[in-house]
Amino acid sequence: MHNRVEDLMIFNSLKITPRPVKATRVLQCFWFLPDFNQVKLGCDGCSSGNPGPGGAGVIIRDHAGNTIGAMSVGLGICTNFVAKILAIILGLEWASSRGWSNIWVTSDSQSAINRFAEDKVPWFILPRWKNVKRNLTIKFSSVYRETNFAVDTLSKRGAALTLGTKDCYDDRPSFLAFENPDSFYFRFS
């Protein structure tokens, strides 16, 4: 029912109390460029089932929006949360190994971002986290999934890979659509 006057009159004549309709909220979302001398590390993880075959996706973009690295990784059997945590740590290790030290990490998993931002990572990742964070300046942000679709695609490709297999790209993969800083994205809730 859409609460039109005609509908309400019919319900009233039948002595039926209508239920209110929840209005759809439209939220405009944006994808922002990183600062100069900073790279943006987009991360996502997934598992086909929970637990199930997992994958991680990582994209590194510079202050001009150029893709300077992309990666899909097969994680084996894991949960969604573990896949998202591993995507962030794999991305940080990869960015660090490529010489970047000022990193803005984004993910659509607010719980994973909060774990890293509050320095409360799960025990199984703690040694890797302590090692990678030593020489890095890291900013964490949770983003809507509507502005995280490129790494979502990479993580799903990773879930199809065997444990430990990595597909790495030095620039934009031809099969991938990317978020654009000049575009609007919409979230419906």
Protein backbone atom coordinates (compact mmCIF):
# COMPACT_ATOMS: atom_id res chain seq x y z
CA MET A 1 0.00 0.00 0.00
CA HIS A 2 1.24 3.50 -0.78
CA ASN A 3 -1.11 5.50 1.49
CA ARG A 4 -2.93 7.17 -1.39
CA VAL A 5 -6.14 9.00 -0.45
CA GLU A 6 -8.25 6.48 -2.40
CA ASP A 7 -6.67 3.56 -0.55
CA LEU A 8 -7.18 5.21 2.82
CA MET A 9 -10.85 5.91 2.04
CA ILE A 10 -11.44 2.25 1.10
CA PHE A 11 -9.74 1.04 4.27
CA ASN A 12 -11.74 3.50 6.34
CA SER A 13 -15.04 2.30 4.84
CA LEU A 14 -14.07 -1.30 5.63
CA LYS A 15 -12.99 -0.28 9.16
CA ILE A 16 -9.44 -1.48 8.53
CA THR A 17 -6.54 0.38 10.09
CA PRO A 18 -3.83 0.89 7.47
CA ARG A 19 -0.18 0.43 8.25
CA PRO A 20 2.13 3.31 7.49
CA VAL A 21 4.56 2.92 4.64
CA LYS A 22 8.23 3.26 5.35
CA ALA A 23 9.59 5.85 2.96
CA THR A 24 12.70 5.01 0.98
CA ARG A 25 15.66 7.15 1.94
CA VAL A 26 18.02 8.14 -0.83
CA LEU A 27 21.51 9.02 0.32
CA GLN A 28 24.02 10.60 -2.02
CA CYS A 29 27.50 9.05 -1.66
CA PHE A 30 30.87 10.26 -2.92
CA TRP A 31 34.24 8.72 -3.60
CA PHE A 32 37.03 11.07 -2.51
CA LEU A 33 40.63 11.31 -3.70
CA PRO A 34 43.44 10.90 -1.18
CA ASP A 35 45.60 13.87 -0.20
CA PHE A 36 48.80 14.72 -2.05
CA ASN A 37 51.64 12.38 -0.91
CA GLN A 38 49.04 9.86 0.27
CA VAL A 39 47.67 6.70 -1.33
CA LYS A 40 44.16 5.37 -0.88
CA LEU A 41 43.97 1.69 -0.11
CA GLY A 42 40.51 0.30 -0.88
CA CYS A 43 40.01 -3.10 0.77
CA ASP A 44 37.28 -5.70 0.80
CA GLY A 45 36.94 -9.34 1.71
CA CYS A 46 34.22 -11.88 1.09
CA SER A 47 33.41 -15.52 1.57
CA SER A 48 31.02 -17.67 -0.44
CA GLY A 49 29.15 -18.98 2.56
CA ASN A 50 30.01 -18.02 6.09
CA PRO A 51 32.42 -19.76 6.46
CA GLY A 52 33.27 -20.62 2.89
CA PRO A 53 35.88 -19.99 0.19
CA GLY A 54 37.18 -16.50 0.91
CA GLY A 55 38.88 -13.82 -1.11
CA ALA A 56 40.41 -10.40 -0.59
CA GLY A 57 40.52 -7.45 -2.95
CA VAL A 58 42.82 -4.43 -2.70
CA ILE A 59 43.19 -1.33 -4.89
CA ILE A 60 45.82 1.37 -4.40
CA ARG A 61 45.09 4.80 -5.93
CA ASP A 62 47.12 8.00 -5.84
CA HIS A 63 46.09 11.63 -5.24
CA ALA A 64 45.15 12.04 -8.92
CA GLY A 65 42.87 8.98 -8.85
CA ASN A 66 45.26 6.81 -10.89
CA THR A 67 45.32 3.13 -10.07
CA ILE A 68 48.84 2.20 -9.05
CA GLY A 69 48.06 -1.33 -7.95
CA ALA A 70 45.26 -3.86 -7.69
CA MET A 71 45.24 -7.35 -6.21
CA SER A 72 42.95 -10.34 -5.68
CA VAL A 73 43.97 -12.98 -3.14
CA GLY A 74 42.56 -16.43 -2.43
CA LEU A 75 42.13 -16.90 1.34
CA GLY A 76 40.85 -20.47 1.56
CA ILE A 77 37.97 -21.26 3.93
CA CYS A 78 37.16 -18.34 6.24
CA THR A 79 34.33 -16.13 7.51
CA ASN A 80 33.35 -12.77 6.02
CA PHE A 81 34.83 -10.86 8.96
CA VAL A 82 38.16 -12.71 8.76
CA ALA A 83 38.28 -12.06 4.99
CA LYS A 84 37.74 -8.31 5.54
CA ILE A 85 40.42 -8.19 8.28
CA LEU A 86 42.87 -10.09 6.06
CA ALA A 87 42.14 -7.80 3.10
CA ILE A 88 43.20 -4.78 5.17
CA ILE A 89 46.40 -6.37 6.51
CA LEU A 90 47.34 -7.76 3.07
CA GLY A 91 46.76 -4.34 1.53
CA LEU A 92 48.88 -2.58 4.15
CA GLU A 93 51.71 -5.10 3.76
CA TRP A 94 51.57 -4.77 -0.04
CA ALA A 95 51.52 -0.96 0.01
CA SER A 96 54.40 -0.90 2.51
CA SER A 97 56.46 -3.31 0.40
CA ARG A 98 55.96 -1.00 -2.60
CA GLY A 99 57.39 1.95 -0.66
CA TRP A 100 54.28 3.89 0.39
CA SER A 101 54.14 5.09 3.97
CA ASN A 102 51.20 7.55 4.11
CA ILE A 103 48.13 5.38 3.59
CA TRP A 104 44.37 6.01 3.80
CA VAL A 105 42.60 2.68 4.31
CA THR A 106 38.93 2.39 3.32
CA SER A 107 36.56 -0.54 3.64
CA ASP A 108 32.81 -1.06 3.69
CA SER A 109 33.23 -3.11 6.88
CA GLN A 110 32.84 -0.69 9.75
CA SER A 111 33.66 -3.43 12.28
CA ALA A 112 36.97 -4.26 10.55
CA ILE A 113 37.90 -0.57 10.25
CA ASN A 114 37.07 -0.01 13.94
CA ARG A 115 39.26 -2.95 14.99
CA PHE A 116 42.29 -1.45 13.24
CA ALA A 117 41.55 2.17 14.19
CA GLU A 118 41.18 1.21 17.87
CA ASP A 119 44.26 -1.07 17.69
CA LYS A 120 42.16 -4.06 18.78
CA VAL A 121 42.84 -6.49 15.95
CA PRO A 122 42.14 -10.21 16.39
CA TRP A 123 44.96 -12.21 17.99
CA PHE A 124 45.79 -14.21 14.84
CA ILE A 125 46.70 -11.04 12.93
CA LEU A 126 48.32 -9.10 15.80
CA PRO A 127 52.01 -9.85 14.98
CA ARG A 128 51.53 -8.86 11.33
CA TRP A 129 49.65 -5.69 12.35
CA LYS A 130 52.35 -4.64 14.85
CA ASN A 131 55.04 -5.25 12.23
CA VAL A 132 53.37 -3.35 9.38
CA LYS A 133 52.16 -0.32 11.34
CA ARG A 134 55.61 0.60 12.70
CA ASN A 135 56.73 2.69 9.73
CA LEU A 136 53.39 3.83 8.36
CA THR A 137 51.09 6.80 8.80
CA ILE A 138 47.62 5.28 8.53
CA LYS A 139 44.17 6.85 8.38
CA PHE A 140 41.09 4.58 8.51
CA SER A 141 37.64 5.31 7.07
CA SER A 142 34.51 3.25 6.72
CA VAL A 143 32.76 3.84 3.38
CA TYR A 144 29.43 2.79 1.90
CA ARG A 145 29.53 -0.27 -0.31
CA GLU A 146 28.16 1.87 -3.15
CA THR A 147 31.58 3.57 -3.30
CA ASN A 148 33.55 0.37 -2.78
CA PHE A 149 32.39 -1.71 -5.75
CA ALA A 150 35.77 -2.12 -7.48
CA VAL A 151 37.39 -3.93 -4.55
CA ASP A 152 34.19 -5.90 -4.05
CA THR A 153 34.66 -7.29 -7.56
CA LEU A 154 38.32 -8.09 -6.84
CA SER A 155 37.45 -9.87 -3.58
CA LYS A 156 34.89 -12.04 -5.37
CA ARG A 157 37.55 -12.94 -7.94
CA GLY A 158 39.84 -13.78 -5.02
CA ALA A 159 37.26 -16.17 -3.57
CA ALA A 160 37.56 -18.21 -6.77
CA LEU A 161 41.35 -18.50 -6.33
CA THR A 162 43.06 -21.22 -4.33
CA LEU A 163 44.55 -20.46 -0.92
CA GLY A 164 47.55 -18.12 -1.22
CA THR A 165 47.12 -17.40 -4.94
CA LYS A 166 47.49 -13.71 -5.86
CA ASP A 167 46.51 -11.90 -9.04
CA CYS A 168 48.39 -8.58 -9.01
CA TYR A 169 48.10 -5.66 -11.42
CA ASP A 170 50.36 -2.59 -11.68
CA ASP A 171 47.59 -0.41 -13.10
CA ARG A 172 43.87 -0.52 -13.76
CA PRO A 173 42.70 -4.02 -14.75
CA SER A 174 40.71 -3.87 -17.98
CA PHE A 175 37.82 -5.92 -16.56
CA LEU A 176 37.21 -3.57 -13.65
CA ALA A 177 34.90 -0.55 -13.33
CA PHE A 178 36.23 2.05 -10.91
CA GLU A 179 34.75 4.65 -8.61
CA ASN A 180 35.11 8.15 -10.00
CA PRO A 181 35.60 11.27 -7.83
CA ASP A 182 33.46 13.32 -10.25
CA SER A 183 30.42 11.03 -9.95
CA PHE A 184 27.54 10.69 -7.54
CA TYR A 185 26.56 7.32 -6.13
CA PHE A 186 23.25 6.58 -4.42
CA ARG A 187 22.35 4.42 -1.46
CA PHE A 188 18.72 3.42 -0.98
CA SER A 189 17.50 2.39 2.45
